[in-house]
Structures are given as C-alpha cells and as structure tokens.
Amino acid sequence: MRQRADRRFPLLAAALAAIAFCVSCAADDDFQTTTAVAPQTLDVEVVAYYFHGNFRCRTCRTIEAYSEEAIRSEFANELGSGRLAWRVVNVEEPENEHFVKDFELVTKSLVLTEYEDGEVIRWENLKQVWQLVRDKEQFFDYVHSSTRKFLQED
C-alpha cells in the first residue's frame, strides 16, 4: 500500500501546482490595462505588435512589458522617426479578430510586421519570447537582434 501512495504523490503535486498557477493567472487577470486598438491605416513602415486576449496571466504581462522595454530602449530613434511603431492589441476585440488569422496566432505573441501602402508585405512572429521570459537579458538580446535584422531586411 505504501508504494501506491508514493507513486501518486508526484501526480498530486503536479496537479496542485497547475491549479495554483491558474489561480494566480486568474488573479492577475483582474488587473486593468488599456489596450490600443490596431490602426486602420499606418504612417510607419514597421510595427512591433504585442497581441493578447482578454485573459492575461503574469507571464503574458511580463512578455508584454519586456517586449515594450526592449523595443523602446534599443530603437528610440526608429520610434521617434516613425520608421517603427509599438502597438498593443487585444485580438478578442471584434475589430482586431482578423489578426489571429492574418498572423496565424495561437497564443499571446510579439509580431514584427512591415507595411507598404497600408498592406502587410511580411511579418515575423518572435516565438522564442516564451522560452526566454525567465531570462530578461537573453529575452532583450533576442528581441533586439530579431528587430534589428527585420529592420535591415526592409
């Protein structure tokens, strides 16, 4: 009988950890933020979008904050000149739902887009932000190098 209980403990611990994580995410979701609506027309060439939904856990908020800080700290000149823009978009708003299909979104995402004559001509989803969120320096390095490369390919 003792062996059976020992084998169940890791499963029970994992289940309790998952419940605790979900509860903390739900508590974080009560925090109110303002979200920019995606612009219909753009005067910029490249937009760094952070896409999210209504439910926003602590990790999602960290990815958004790190992404914005990384973009604003490294690309102040490009932001100031209008070459690059930063936008936060809730894809669950009816006018923004098209972004899910447009950029093949499956979760909260940082996406770089290039526009020409108001049309997206290329885009890149920076998927590694999820793996790097626990290391701010590597996260910033990834966002900086990816954005720099994207801007240079223009």
Foldseek 3Di string as FASTA:
>chain_A
DVVVVVVCVVVVVVVVVVVVQVVQQQVVLVDDDDFDADDQAAPEFKEWEWEAASRGGPLSVLLVVLLVCLCCVQPVVCCVVRNYYYGYHHCVPVVNVVVCVVVVDDHGWTKMFGDDPSDTPDMDTLPCSSVCSVPSVVNSVSSNVVVVVVSVVD
